[in-house]
PDB file of N, CA and C in Angstrom:
ATOM      1  N   UNK A   1     -53.716-199.437 132.947  1.00  0.00           N
ATOM      2  CA  UNK A   1     -54.611-200.488 133.071  1.00  0.00           C
ATOM      3  C   UNK A   1     -55.978-200.019 133.394  1.00  0.00           C
ATOM      4  N   UNK A   2     -57.138-200.700 133.116  1.00  0.00           N
ATOM      5  CA  UNK A   2     -58.450-200.296 133.441  1.00  0.00           C
ATOM      6  C   UNK A   2     -58.788-200.781 134.671  1.00  0.00           C
ATOM      7  N   UNK A   3     -59.469-200.213 135.355  1.00  0.00           N
ATOM      8  CA  UNK A   3     -59.825-200.533 136.692  1.00  0.00           C
ATOM      9  C   UNK A   3     -60.948-201.752 136.308  1.00  0.00           C
ATOM     10  N   UNK A   4     -61.077-202.668 137.420  1.00  0.00           N
ATOM     11  CA  UNK A   4     -61.872-203.784 137.502  1.00  0.00           C
ATOM     12  C   UNK A   4     -63.534-203.510 137.089  1.00  0.00           C
ATOM     13  N   UNK A   5     -63.874-202.415 137.697  1.00  0.00           N
ATOM     14  CA  UNK A   5     -65.344-201.740 137.475  1.00  0.00           C
ATOM     15  C   UNK A   5     -65.571-201.463 136.101  1.00  0.00           C
ATOM     16  N   UNK A   6     -64.582-200.734 135.342  1.00  0.00           N
ATOM     17  CA  UNK A   6     -64.824-200.243 134.019  1.00  0.00           C
ATOM     18  C   UNK A   6     -64.742-201.624 133.083  1.00  0.00           C
ATOM     19  N   UNK A   7     -63.969-202.699 133.375  1.00  0.00           N
ATOM     20  CA  UNK A   7     -63.819-203.903 132.630  1.00  0.00           C
ATOM     21  C   UNK A   7     -65.277-204.617 132.693  1.00  0.00           C
ATOM     22  N   UNK A   8     -65.931-204.646 133.957  1.00  0.00           N
ATOM     23  CA  UNK A   8     -67.251-205.216 134.053  1.00  0.00           C
ATOM     24  C   UNK A   8     -68.200-204.546 133.380  1.00  0.00           C
ATOM     25  N   UNK A   9     -68.135-203.215 133.420  1.00  0.00           N
ATOM     26  CA  UNK A   9     -69.099-202.457 132.653  1.00  0.00           C
ATOM     27  C   UNK A   9     -69.154-202.641 131.246  1.00  0.00           C
ATOM     28  N   UNK A  10     -67.819-202.969 130.700  1.00  0.00           N
ATOM     29  CA  UNK A  10     -67.920-203.363 129.002  1.00  0.00           C
ATOM     30  C   UNK A  10     -68.386-204.681 128.658  1.00  0.00           C
ATOM     31  N   UNK A  11     -68.645-205.549 129.603  1.00  0.00           N
ATOM     32  CA  UNK A  11     -69.315-206.811 129.357  1.00  0.00           C
ATOM     33  C   UNK A  11     -70.801-206.642 129.021  1.00  0.00           C
ATOM     34  N   UNK A  12     -71.232-206.919 127.907  1.00  0.00           N
ATOM     35  CA  UNK A  12     -72.838-206.874 127.669  1.00  0.00           C
ATOM     36  C   UNK A  12     -73.868-207.780 128.530  1.00  0.00           C
ATOM     37  N   UNK A  13     -73.261-208.827 129.014  1.00  0.00           N
ATOM     38  CA  UNK A  13     -73.972-209.596 130.015  1.00  0.00           C
ATOM     39  C   UNK A  13     -73.997-209.091 131.347  1.00  0.00           C
ATOM     40  N   UNK A  14     -73.295-208.032 131.669  1.00  0.00           N
ATOM     41  CA  UNK A  14     -73.504-207.347 133.062  1.00  0.00           C
ATOM     42  C   UNK A  14     -74.548-206.193 132.777  1.00  0.00           C
ATOM     43  N   UNK A  15     -75.022-206.017 131.580  1.00  0.00           N
ATOM     44  CA  UNK A  15     -75.984-204.726 131.771  1.00  0.00           C
ATOM     45  C   UNK A  15     -77.168-205.122 132.082  1.00  0.00           C
ATOM     46  N   UNK A  16     -78.019-204.007 132.537  1.00  0.00           N
ATOM     47  CA  UNK A  16     -79.260-204.141 133.027  1.00  0.00           C
ATOM     48  C   UNK A  16     -80.237-203.426 132.116  1.00  0.00           C
ATOM     49  N   UNK A  17     -80.935-204.320 131.274  1.00  0.00           N
ATOM     50  CA  UNK A  17     -81.974-203.897 130.174  1.00  0.00           C
ATOM     51  C   UNK A  17     -83.072-203.357 130.615  1.00  0.00           C
ATOM     52  N   UNK A  18     -83.262-203.946 131.755  1.00  0.00           N
ATOM     53  CA  UNK A  18     -84.755-203.796 132.552  1.00  0.00           C
ATOM     54  C   UNK A  18     -84.739-202.474 133.235  1.00  0.00           C
ATOM     55  N   UNK A  19     -83.604-202.033 133.869  1.00  0.00           N
ATOM     56  CA  UNK A  19     -83.837-200.739 134.455  1.00  0.00           C
ATOM     57  C   UNK A  19     -82.610-199.932 134.066  1.00  0.00           C
ATOM     58  N   UNK A  20     -82.688-199.275 132.742  1.00  0.00           N
ATOM     59  CA  UNK A  20     -81.611-198.625 132.370  1.00  0.00           C
ATOM     60  C   UNK A  20     -81.218-197.359 133.105  1.00  0.00           C
ATOM     61  N   UNK A  21     -79.996-197.062 133.013  1.00  0.00           N
ATOM     62  CA  UNK A  21     -79.648-195.611 133.792  1.00  0.00           C
ATOM     63  C   UNK A  21     -79.474-194.594 132.576  1.00  0.00           C
ATOM     64  N   UNK A  22     -80.430-193.522 132.647  1.00  0.00           N
ATOM     65  CA  UNK A  22     -80.466-192.486 131.815  1.00  0.00           C
ATOM     66  C   UNK A  22     -79.604-191.279 132.377  1.00  0.00           C
ATOM     67  N   UNK A  23     -78.684-191.011 131.202  1.00  0.00           N
ATOM     68  CA  UNK A  23     -77.892-189.949 131.668  1.00  0.00           C
ATOM     69  C   UNK A  23     -77.801-189.028 130.175  1.00  0.00           C
ATOM     70  N   UNK A  24     -77.419-187.841 130.545  1.00  0.00           N
ATOM     71  CA  UNK A  24     -77.310-186.717 129.521  1.00  0.00           C
ATOM     72  C   UNK A  24     -76.288-186.965 128.752  1.00  0.00           C
ATOM     73  N   UNK A  25     -76.086-186.108 127.693  1.00  0.00           N
ATOM     74  CA  UNK A  25     -75.089-186.311 126.729  1.00  0.00           C
ATOM     75  C   UNK A  25     -73.610-185.676 127.342  1.00  0.00           C
ATOM     76  N   UNK A  26     -72.561-186.112 127.034  1.00  0.00           N
ATOM     77  CA  UNK A  26     -71.131-185.834 127.481  1.00  0.00           C
ATOM     78  C   UNK A  26     -70.670-184.500 126.544  1.00  0.00           C
ATOM     79  N   UNK A  27     -70.385-183.455 127.067  1.00  0.00           N
ATOM     80  CA  UNK A  27     -69.794-182.404 126.155  1.00  0.00           C
ATOM     81  C   UNK A  27     -68.280-182.646 125.848  1.00  0.00           C
ATOM     82  N   UNK A  28     -68.149-182.225 124.852  1.00  0.00           N
ATOM     83  CA  UNK A  28     -66.524-182.264 124.571  1.00  0.00           C
ATOM     84  C   UNK A  28     -65.808-181.329 125.359  1.00  0.00           C
ATOM     85  N   UNK A  29     -64.514-182.046 125.683  1.00  0.00           N
ATOM     86  CA  UNK A  29     -63.775-181.104 126.703  1.00  0.00           C
ATOM     87  C   UNK A  29     -63.226-180.070 126.214  1.00  0.00           C
ATOM     88  N   UNK A  30     -63.210-178.888 127.081  1.00  0.00           N
ATOM     89  CA  UNK A  30     -62.748-177.567 126.507  1.00  0.00           C
ATOM     90  C   UNK A  30     -61.849-176.955 127.431  1.00  0.00           C
ATOM     91  N   UNK A  31     -61.047-175.924 126.874  1.00  0.00           N
ATOM     92  CA  UNK A  31     -60.145-175.330 127.713  1.00  0.00           C
ATOM     93  C   UNK A  31     -60.306-173.810 127.608  1.00  0.00           C
ATOM     94  N   UNK A  32     -60.486-173.297 128.675  1.00  0.00           N
ATOM     95  CA  UNK A  32     -60.618-171.570 128.825  1.00  0.00           C
ATOM     96  C   UNK A  32     -59.369-170.949 129.178  1.00  0.00           C
ATOM     97  N   UNK A  33     -59.099-170.063 128.379  1.00  0.00           N
ATOM     98  CA  UNK A  33     -57.988-169.197 128.425  1.00  0.00           C
ATOM     99  C   UNK A  33     -58.255-167.713 128.798  1.00  0.00           C
ATOM    100  N   UNK A  34     -57.335-166.993 129.315  1.00  0.00           N
ATOM    101  CA  UNK A  34     -57.462-165.600 129.427  1.00  0.00           C
ATOM    102  C   UNK A  34     -56.609-164.886 128.479  1.00  0.00           C
ATOM    103  N   UNK A  35     -57.168-163.841 127.522  1.00  0.00           N
ATOM    104  CA  UNK A  35     -56.333-163.122 126.536  1.00  0.00           C
ATOM    105  C   UNK A  35     -56.403-161.596 127.056  1.00  0.00           C
ATOM    106  N   UNK A  36     -55.169-161.211 127.059  1.00  0.00           N
ATOM    107  CA  UNK A  36     -55.234-159.575 127.393  1.00  0.00           C
ATOM    108  C   UNK A  36     -55.054-158.968 126.223  1.00  0.00           C
ATOM    109  N   UNK A  37     -55.782-157.735 125.812  1.00  0.00           N
ATOM    110  CA  UNK A  37     -55.850-156.923 124.721  1.00  0.00           C
ATOM    111  C   UNK A  37     -55.637-155.552 125.247  1.00  0.00           C
ATOM    112  N   UNK A  38     -54.690-154.641 124.438  1.00  0.00           N
ATOM    113  CA  UNK A  38     -54.761-153.214 124.664  1.00  0.00           C
ATOM    114  C   UNK A  38     -56.105-152.674 124.337  1.00  0.00           C
ATOM    115  N   UNK A  39     -56.686-151.714 125.192  1.00  0.00           N
ATOM    116  CA  UNK A  39     -58.107-151.188 124.891  1.00  0.00           C
ATOM    117  C   UNK A  39     -58.580-151.060 123.537  1.00  0.00           C
ATOM    118  N   UNK A  40     -57.658-150.401 122.784  1.00  0.00           N
ATOM    119  CA  UNK A  40     -58.137-149.900 121.294  1.00  0.00           C
ATOM    120  C   UNK A  40     -58.002-151.306 120.505  1.00  0.00           C
ATOM    121  N   UNK A  41     -57.228-152.323 120.758  1.00  0.00           N
ATOM    122  CA  UNK A  41     -57.278-153.564 120.002  1.00  0.00           C
ATOM    123  C   UNK A  41     -58.588-154.169 120.370  1.00  0.00           C
ATOM    124  N   UNK A  42     -59.042-154.249 121.560  1.00  0.00           N
ATOM    125  CA  UNK A  42     -60.235-154.902 121.935  1.00  0.00           C
ATOM    126  C   UNK A  42     -61.467-154.388 121.386  1.00  0.00           C
ATOM    127  N   UNK A  43     -61.375-152.938 121.388  1.00  0.00           N
ATOM    128  CA  UNK A  43     -62.473-152.212 120.753  1.00  0.00           C
ATOM    129  C   UNK A  43     -62.683-152.551 119.268  1.00  0.00           C
ATOM    130  N   UNK A  44     -61.501-152.645 118.701  1.00  0.00           N
ATOM    131  CA  UNK A  44     -61.599-153.079 117.344  1.00  0.00           C
ATOM    132  C   UNK A  44     -62.141-154.369 116.960  1.00  0.00           C
ATOM    133  N   UNK A  45     -61.640-155.420 117.799  1.00  0.00           N
ATOM    134  CA  UNK A  45     -62.074-156.773 117.689  1.00  0.00           C
ATOM    135  C   UNK A  45     -63.578-156.844 118.085  1.00  0.00           C
ATOM    136  N   UNK A  46     -64.141-156.326 119.171  1.00  0.00           N
ATOM    137  CA  UNK A  46     -65.277-156.159 119.537  1.00  0.00           C
ATOM    138  C   UNK A  46     -66.239-155.552 118.572  1.00  0.00           C
ATOM    139  N   UNK A  47     -66.078-154.490 117.832  1.00  0.00           N
ATOM    140  CA  UNK A  47     -66.893-153.873 116.885  1.00  0.00           C
ATOM    141  C   UNK A  47     -66.922-154.736 115.620  1.00  0.00           C
ATOM    142  N   UNK A  48     -65.693-155.496 115.290  1.00  0.00           N
ATOM    143  CA  UNK A  48     -65.730-156.465 114.110  1.00  0.00           C
ATOM    144  C   UNK A  48     -66.777-157.625 114.373  1.00  0.00           C
ATOM    145  N   UNK A  49     -66.522-158.126 115.640  1.00  0.00           N
ATOM    146  CA  UNK A  49     -67.462-159.325 115.974  1.00  0.00           C
ATOM    147  C   UNK A  49     -68.799-159.002 115.936  1.00  0.00           C
ATOM    148  N   UNK A  50     -69.306-157.730 116.363  1.00  0.00           N
ATOM    149  CA  UNK A  50     -70.615-157.405 116.387  1.00  0.00           C
ATOM    150  C   UNK A  50     -71.042-157.243 114.995  1.00  0.00           C
ATOM    151  N   UNK A  51     -70.142-156.654 114.126  1.00  0.00           N
ATOM    152  CA  UNK A  51     -70.631-156.478 112.626  1.00  0.00           C
ATOM    153  C   UNK A  51     -70.952-157.702 112.047  1.00  0.00           C
ATOM    154  N   UNK A  52     -70.140-158.680 112.181  1.00  0.00           N
ATOM    155  CA  UNK A  52     -70.295-160.164 111.745  1.00  0.00           C
ATOM    156  C   UNK A  52     -71.588-161.053 112.469  1.00  0.00           C
ATOM    157  N   UNK A  53     -71.872-160.394 113.392  1.00  0.00           N
ATOM    158  CA  UNK A  53     -73.064-161.265 114.131  1.00  0.00           C
ATOM    159  C   UNK A  53     -72.480-162.192 115.066  1.00  0.00           C
ATOM    160  N   UNK A  54     -71.292-161.899 115.694  1.00  0.00           N
ATOM    161  CA  UNK A  54     -70.853-163.012 116.715  1.00  0.00           C
ATOM    162  C   UNK A  54     -70.534-162.397 118.103  1.00  0.00           C
ATOM    163  N   UNK A  55     -70.641-163.183 118.970  1.00  0.00           N
ATOM    164  CA  UNK A  55     -69.864-162.818 120.429  1.00  0.00           C
ATOM    165  C   UNK A  55     -68.451-162.857 120.086  1.00  0.00           C
ATOM    166  N   UNK A  56     -67.795-161.952 121.026  1.00  0.00           N
ATOM    167  CA  UNK A  56     -66.328-161.610 120.887  1.00  0.00           C
ATOM    168  C   UNK A  56     -65.556-162.845 121.125  1.00  0.00           C
ATOM    169  N   UNK A  57     -66.127-163.905 122.146  1.00  0.00           N
ATOM    170  CA  UNK A  57     -65.329-165.012 122.341  1.00  0.00           C
ATOM    171  C   UNK A  57     -65.458-166.047 121.264  1.00  0.00           C
ATOM    172  N   UNK A  58     -66.553-165.867 120.423  1.00  0.00           N
ATOM    173  CA  UNK A  58     -66.852-166.881 119.351  1.00  0.00           C
ATOM    174  C   UNK A  58     -65.846-166.422 118.129  1.00  0.00           C
ATOM    175  N   UNK A  59     -65.863-165.041 117.982  1.00  0.00           N
ATOM    176  CA  UNK A  59     -64.972-164.640 116.962  1.00  0.00           C
ATOM    177  C   UNK A  59     -63.492-164.922 117.138  1.00  0.00           C
ATOM    178  N   UNK A  60     -63.097-164.671 118.586  1.00  0.00           N
ATOM    179  CA  UNK A  60     -61.692-164.859 118.713  1.00  0.00           C
ATOM    180  C   UNK A  60     -61.309-166.328 118.540  1.00  0.00           C
ATOM    181  N   UNK A  61     -62.095-167.196 118.998  1.00  0.00           N
ATOM    182  CA  UNK A  61     -61.864-168.737 118.882  1.00  0.00           C
ATOM    183  C   UNK A  61     -61.859-169.046 117.289  1.00  0.00           C
ATOM    184  N   UNK A  62     -62.754-168.658 116.639  1.00  0.00           N
ATOM    185  CA  UNK A  62     -62.748-168.964 115.177  1.00  0.00           C
ATOM    186  C   UNK A  62     -61.586-168.399 114.388  1.00  0.00           C
ATOM    187  N   UNK A  63     -61.217-166.972 114.731  1.00  0.00           N
ATOM    188  CA  UNK A  63     -60.170-166.320 114.097  1.00  0.00           C
ATOM    189  C   UNK A  63     -58.847-167.180 114.507  1.00  0.00           C
ATOM    190  N   UNK A  64     -58.657-167.719 115.776  1.00  0.00           N
ATOM    191  CA  UNK A  64     -57.467-168.475 116.139  1.00  0.00           C
ATOM    192  C   UNK A  64     -57.511-169.452 115.337  1.00  0.00           C
ATOM    193  N   UNK A  65     -58.541-170.358 115.269  1.00  0.00           N
ATOM    194  CA  UNK A  65     -58.522-171.542 114.662  1.00  0.00           C
ATOM    195  C   UNK A  65     -58.129-171.438 113.303  1.00  0.00           C
ATOM    196  N   UNK A  66     -58.999-170.523 112.486  1.00  0.00           N
ATOM    197  CA  UNK A  66     -58.393-170.242 111.035  1.00  0.00           C
ATOM    198  C   UNK A  66     -56.968-169.876 110.830  1.00  0.00           C
ATOM    199  N   UNK A  67     -56.578-169.185 111.699  1.00  0.00           N
ATOM    200  CA  UNK A  67     -54.987-168.840 111.510  1.00  0.00           C
ATOM    201  C   UNK A  67     -54.181-170.004 111.731  1.00  0.00           C
ATOM    202  N   UNK A  68     -54.575-170.958 112.603  1.00  0.00           N
ATOM    203  CA  UNK A  68     -53.569-171.968 112.962  1.00  0.00           C
ATOM    204  C   UNK A  68     -53.652-172.945 111.987  1.00  0.00           C
ATOM    205  N   UNK A  69     -54.932-173.188 111.502  1.00  0.00           N
ATOM    206  CA  UNK A  69     -54.889-174.361 110.463  1.00  0.00           C
ATOM    207  C   UNK A  69     -54.853-173.824 108.973  1.00  0.00           C
ATOM    208  N   UNK A  70     -54.988-172.349 108.834  1.00  0.00           N
ATOM    209  CA  UNK A  70     -54.778-172.034 107.387  1.00  0.00           C
ATOM    210  C   UNK A  70     -56.319-172.108 106.601  1.00  0.00           C
ATOM    211  N   UNK A  71     -57.356-172.335 107.408  1.00  0.00           N
ATOM    212  CA  UNK A  71     -58.733-172.394 106.652  1.00  0.00           C
ATOM    213  C   UNK A  71     -59.405-171.267 107.033  1.00  0.00           C
ATOM    214  N   UNK A  72     -58.775-170.009 106.448  1.00  0.00           N
ATOM    215  CA  UNK A  72     -59.542-168.798 106.626  1.00  0.00           C
ATOM    216  C   UNK A  72     -60.479-168.490 105.584  1.00  0.00           C
ATOM    217  N   UNK A  73     -61.142-167.441 105.622  1.00  0.00           N
ATOM    218  CA  UNK A  73     -62.385-167.244 104.608  1.00  0.00           C
ATOM    219  C   UNK A  73     -61.757-166.755 103.377  1.00  0.00           C
ATOM    220  N   UNK A  74     -60.686-166.203 103.166  1.00  0.00           N
ATOM    221  CA  UNK A  74     -60.136-165.682 102.036  1.00  0.00           C
ATOM    222  C   UNK A  74     -61.051-164.611 101.450  1.00  0.00           C
ATOM    223  N   UNK A  75     -60.779-164.318 100.276  1.00  0.00           N
ATOM    224  CA  UNK A  75     -61.606-163.290  99.364  1.00  0.00           C
ATOM    225  C   UNK A  75     -62.328-163.858  98.125  1.00  0.00           C
ATOM    226  N   UNK A  76     -63.466-163.584  98.132  1.00  0.00           N
ATOM    227  CA  UNK A  76     -64.437-164.211  96.939  1.00  0.00           C
ATOM    228  C   UNK A  76     -64.513-163.154  96.128  1.00  0.00           C
ATOM    229  N   UNK A  77     -64.334-163.492  94.626  1.00  0.00           N
ATOM    230  CA  UNK A  77     -64.418-162.583  93.571  1.00  0.00           C
ATOM    231  C   UNK A  77     -65.474-163.212  92.604  1.00  0.00           C
ATOM    232  N   UNK A  78     -66.547-162.487  92.488  1.00  0.00           N
ATOM    233  CA  UNK A  78     -67.696-163.253  91.494  1.00  0.00           C
ATOM    234  C   UNK A  78     -67.744-161.955  90.319  1.00  0.00           C
ATOM    235  N   UNK A  79     -67.852-162.598  89.161  1.00  0.00           N
ATOM    236  CA  UNK A  79     -67.895-161.437  87.967  1.00  0.00           C
ATOM    237  C   UNK A  79     -68.778-162.061  86.947  1.00  0.00           C
ATOM    238  N   UNK A  80     -69.683-161.407  86.340  1.00  0.00           N
ATOM    239  CA  UNK A  80     -70.305-161.974  85.165  1.00  0.00           C
ATOM    240  C   UNK A  80     -70.524-160.849  84.230  1.00  0.00           C
ATOM    241  N   UNK A  81     -69.936-161.089  82.979  1.00  0.00           N
ATOM    242  CA  UNK A  81     -70.150-160.148  81.810  1.00  0.00           C
ATOM    243  C   UNK A  81     -69.492-158.968  82.383  1.00  0.00           C
ATOM    244  N   UNK A  82     -70.022-157.770  82.066  1.00  0.00           N
ATOM    245  CA  UNK A  82     -69.333-156.585  82.415  1.00  0.00           C
ATOM    246  C   UNK A  82     -69.528-156.138  83.875  1.00  0.00           C
ATOM    247  N   UNK A  83     -70.101-156.679  84.449  1.00  0.00           N
ATOM    248  CA  UNK A  83     -70.484-156.230  85.934  1.00  0.00           C
ATOM    249  C   UNK A  83     -69.972-157.367  86.941  1.00  0.00           C
ATOM    250  N   UNK A  84     -69.843-156.949  87.977  1.00  0.00           N
ATOM    251  CA  UNK A  84     -69.183-157.737  89.074  1.00  0.00           C
ATOM    252  C   UNK A  84     -69.334-157.312  90.469  1.00  0.00           C
ATOM    253  N   UNK A  85     -69.238-158.213  91.420  1.00  0.00           N
ATOM    254  CA  UNK A  85     -69.123-157.689  92.763  1.00  0.00           C
ATOM    255  C   UNK A  85     -67.935-158.405  93.466  1.00  0.00           C
ATOM    256  N   UNK A  86     -67.354-157.737  94.490  1.00  0.00           N
ATOM    257  CA  UNK A  86     -66.165-158.050  94.946  1.00  0.00           C
ATOM    258  C   UNK A  86     -66.263-157.983  96.473  1.00  0.00           C
ATOM    259  N   UNK A  87     -66.324-159.264  97.205  1.00  0.00           N
ATOM    260  CA  UNK A  87     -66.240-159.415  98.639  1.00  0.00           C
ATOM    261  C   UNK A  87     -64.936-159.493  99.211  1.00  0.00           C
ATOM    262  N   UNK A  88     -64.435-158.809  99.978  1.00  0.00           N
ATOM    263  CA  UNK A  88     -63.104-158.882 100.628  1.00  0.00           C
ATOM    264  C   UNK A  88     -63.088-158.681 102.030  1.00  0.00           C
ATOM    265  N   UNK A  89     -62.000-159.464 102.678  1.00  0.00           N
ATOM    266  CA  UNK A  89     -61.862-159.293 104.088  1.00  0.00           C
ATOM    267  C   UNK A  89     -60.908-158.243 104.263  1.00  0.00           C
ATOM    268  N   UNK A  90     -60.899-157.743 105.614  1.00  0.00           N
ATOM    269  CA  UNK A  90     -59.938-156.495 105.836  1.00  0.00           C
ATOM    270  C   UNK A  90     -58.410-156.924 105.795  1.00  0.00           C
ATOM    271  N   UNK A  91     -58.174-158.006 106.137  1.00  0.00           N
ATOM    272  CA  UNK A  91     -56.745-158.399 105.973  1.00  0.00           C
ATOM    273  C   UNK A  91     -56.699-159.657 105.170  1.00  0.00           C
ATOM    274  N   UNK A  92     -55.580-159.536 104.184  1.00  0.00           N
ATOM    275  CA  UNK A  92     -55.452-160.745 103.345  1.00  0.00           C
ATOM    276  C   UNK A  92     -54.922-161.808 104.185  1.00  0.00           C
ATOM    277  N   UNK A  93     -55.234-163.209 103.844  1.00  0.00           N
ATOM    278  CA  UNK A  93     -54.636-164.474 104.533  1.00  0.00           C
ATOM    279  C   UNK A  93     -53.283-164.550 104.021  1.00  0.00           C
ATOM    280  N   UNK A  94     -52.600-165.263 104.846  1.00  0.00           N
ATOM    281  CA  UNK A  94     -51.194-165.608 104.059  1.00  0.00           C
ATOM    282  C   UNK A  94     -51.120-166.851 103.255  1.00  0.00           C
ATOM    283  N   UNK A  95     -52.347-167.292 103.167  1.00  0.00           N
ATOM    284  CA  UNK A  95     -52.382-168.543 102.070  1.00  0.00           C
ATOM    285  C   UNK A  95     -53.691-168.110 101.146  1.00  0.00           C
ATOM    286  N   UNK A  96     -53.287-168.361  99.955  1.00  0.00           N
ATOM    287  CA  UNK A  96     -54.530-167.902  99.000  1.00  0.00           C
ATOM    288  C   UNK A  96     -54.853-169.223  98.016  1.00  0.00           C
ATOM    289  N   UNK A  97     -55.926-169.430  97.808  1.00  0.00           N
ATOM    290  CA  UNK A  97     -56.258-170.534  96.805  1.00  0.00           C
ATOM    291  C   UNK A  97     -56.828-169.955  95.489  1.00  0.00           C
ATOM    292  N   UNK A  98     -55.991-170.449  94.545  1.00  0.00           N
ATOM    293  CA  UNK A  98     -56.310-169.845  93.130  1.00  0.00           C
ATOM    294  C   UNK A  98     -56.522-171.021  92.192  1.00  0.00           C
ATOM    295  N   UNK A  99     -57.854-170.984  91.779  1.00  0.00           N
ATOM    296  CA  UNK A  99     -58.114-172.256  90.864  1.00  0.00           C
ATOM    297  C   UNK A  99     -57.866-173.588  91.515  1.00  0.00           C
ATOM    298  N   UNK A 100     -58.120-173.792  92.831  1.00  0.00           N
ATOM    299  CA  UNK A 100     -57.886-174.945  93.388  1.00  0.00           C
ATOM    300  C   UNK A 100     -56.621-175.190  94.024  1.00  0.00           C
ATOM    301  N   UNK A 101     -55.769-174.289  93.514  1.00  0.00           N
ATOM    302  CA  UNK A 101     -54.190-174.353  94.035  1.00  0.00           C
ATOM    303  C   UNK A 101     -53.972-173.671  95.195  1.00  0.00           C
ATOM    304  N   UNK A 102     -53.004-173.983  95.992  1.00  0.00           N
ATOM    305  CA  UNK A 102     -52.750-173.182  97.095  1.00  0.00           C
ATOM    306  C   UNK A 102     -51.338-172.501  96.874  1.00  0.00           C
ATOM    307  N   UNK A 103     -51.439-171.172  97.271  1.00  0.00           N
ATOM    308  CA  UNK A 103     -50.147-170.280  96.756  1.00  0.00           C
ATOM    309  C   UNK A 103     -49.697-169.718  98.238  1.00  0.00           C
ATOM    310  N   UNK A 104     -48.593-169.769  98.578  1.00  0.00           N
ATOM    311  CA  UNK A 104     -48.031-169.115  99.793  1.00  0.00           C
ATOM    312  C   UNK A 104     -47.594-167.731  99.520  1.00  0.00           C
ATOM    313  N   UNK A 105     -48.239-166.629 100.425  1.00  0.00           N
ATOM    314  CA  UNK A 105     -47.717-165.437 100.236  1.00  0.00           C
ATOM    315  C   UNK A 105     -46.874-164.993 101.135  1.00  0.00           C
ATOM    316  N   UNK A 106     -45.611-164.406 100.883  1.00  0.00           N
ATOM    317  CA  UNK A 106     -44.652-164.135 101.916  1.00  0.00           C
ATOM    318  C   UNK A 106     -45.231-162.932 102.761  1.00  0.00           C
ATOM    319  N   UNK A 107     -44.746-163.269 104.063  1.00  0.00           N
ATOM    320  CA  UNK A 107     -45.027-162.416 105.113  1.00  0.00           C
ATOM    321  C   UNK A 107     -44.279-161.174 104.771  1.00  0.00           C
ATOM    322  N   UNK A 108     -44.836-159.967 105.283  1.00  0.00           N
ATOM    323  CA  UNK A 108     -44.344-158.565 105.031  1.00  0.00           C
ATOM    324  C   UNK A 108     -43.251-158.536 106.022  1.00  0.00           C
ATOM    325  N   UNK A 109     -42.002-157.928 105.510  1.00  0.00           N
ATOM    326  CA  UNK A 109     -40.864-157.691 106.427  1.00  0.00           C
ATOM    327  C   UNK A 109     -41.145-156.486 107.055  1.00  0.00           C
ATOM    328  N   UNK A 110     -40.703-156.385 108.456  1.00  0.00           N
ATOM    329  CA  UNK A 110     -40.884-155.224 109.226  1.00  0.00           C
ATOM    330  C   UNK A 110     -40.143-154.038 108.773  1.00  0.00           C
ATOM    331  N   UNK A 111     -40.677-152.961 108.699  1.00  0.00           N
ATOM    332  CA  UNK A 111     -39.895-151.721 108.283  1.00  0.00           C
ATOM    333  C   UNK A 111     -38.830-151.472 109.119  1.00  0.00           C
ATOM    334  N   UNK A 112     -37.596-151.085 108.552  1.00  0.00           N
ATOM    335  CA  UNK A 112     -36.366-150.896 109.448  1.00  0.00           C
ATOM    336  C   UNK A 112     -35.993-149.199 108.935  1.00  0.00           C
ATOM    337  N   UNK A 113     -35.312-148.722 110.010  1.00  0.00           N
ATOM    338  CA  UNK A 113     -34.824-147.420 109.701  1.00  0.00           C
ATOM    339  C   UNK A 113     -33.397-147.352 109.831  1.00  0.00           C
ATOM    340  N   UNK A 114     -32.560-146.587 109.063  1.00  0.00           N
ATOM    341  CA  UNK A 114     -31.103-146.775 109.255  1.00  0.00           C
ATOM    342  C   UNK A 114     -30.846-145.164 109.567  1.00  0.00           C
ATOM    343  N   UNK A 115     -30.042-145.246 110.716  1.00  0.00           N
ATOM    344  CA  UNK A 115     -29.750-143.988 111.327  1.00  0.00           C
ATOM    345  C   UNK A 115     -28.378-143.259 111.022  1.00  0.00           C
TER     346      UNK A 115
END
């Protein structure tokens, strides 16, 4: 249930248009977490973030969201005539879009050894 004060504030007849209260914008709520990396893994991540012009935290946040939502950057191929340019990411996403279709790529099975 709403508090009485909140219900009163919702009524336009209780608003004071002559002396408005000015407030700044409200930021969206956020959650801050701590993530542990092995040193060599962190070095790789931070170097890549620097190459693409992002802060490490920004890169990690975007990478996690892309992985969770399946909206990764993918691979872009452009060709014209006999020449072409290929832009590729270092690791292929598990979902590819081909001619507007979505195609699942199977995850690689871990290598096993038989003794």
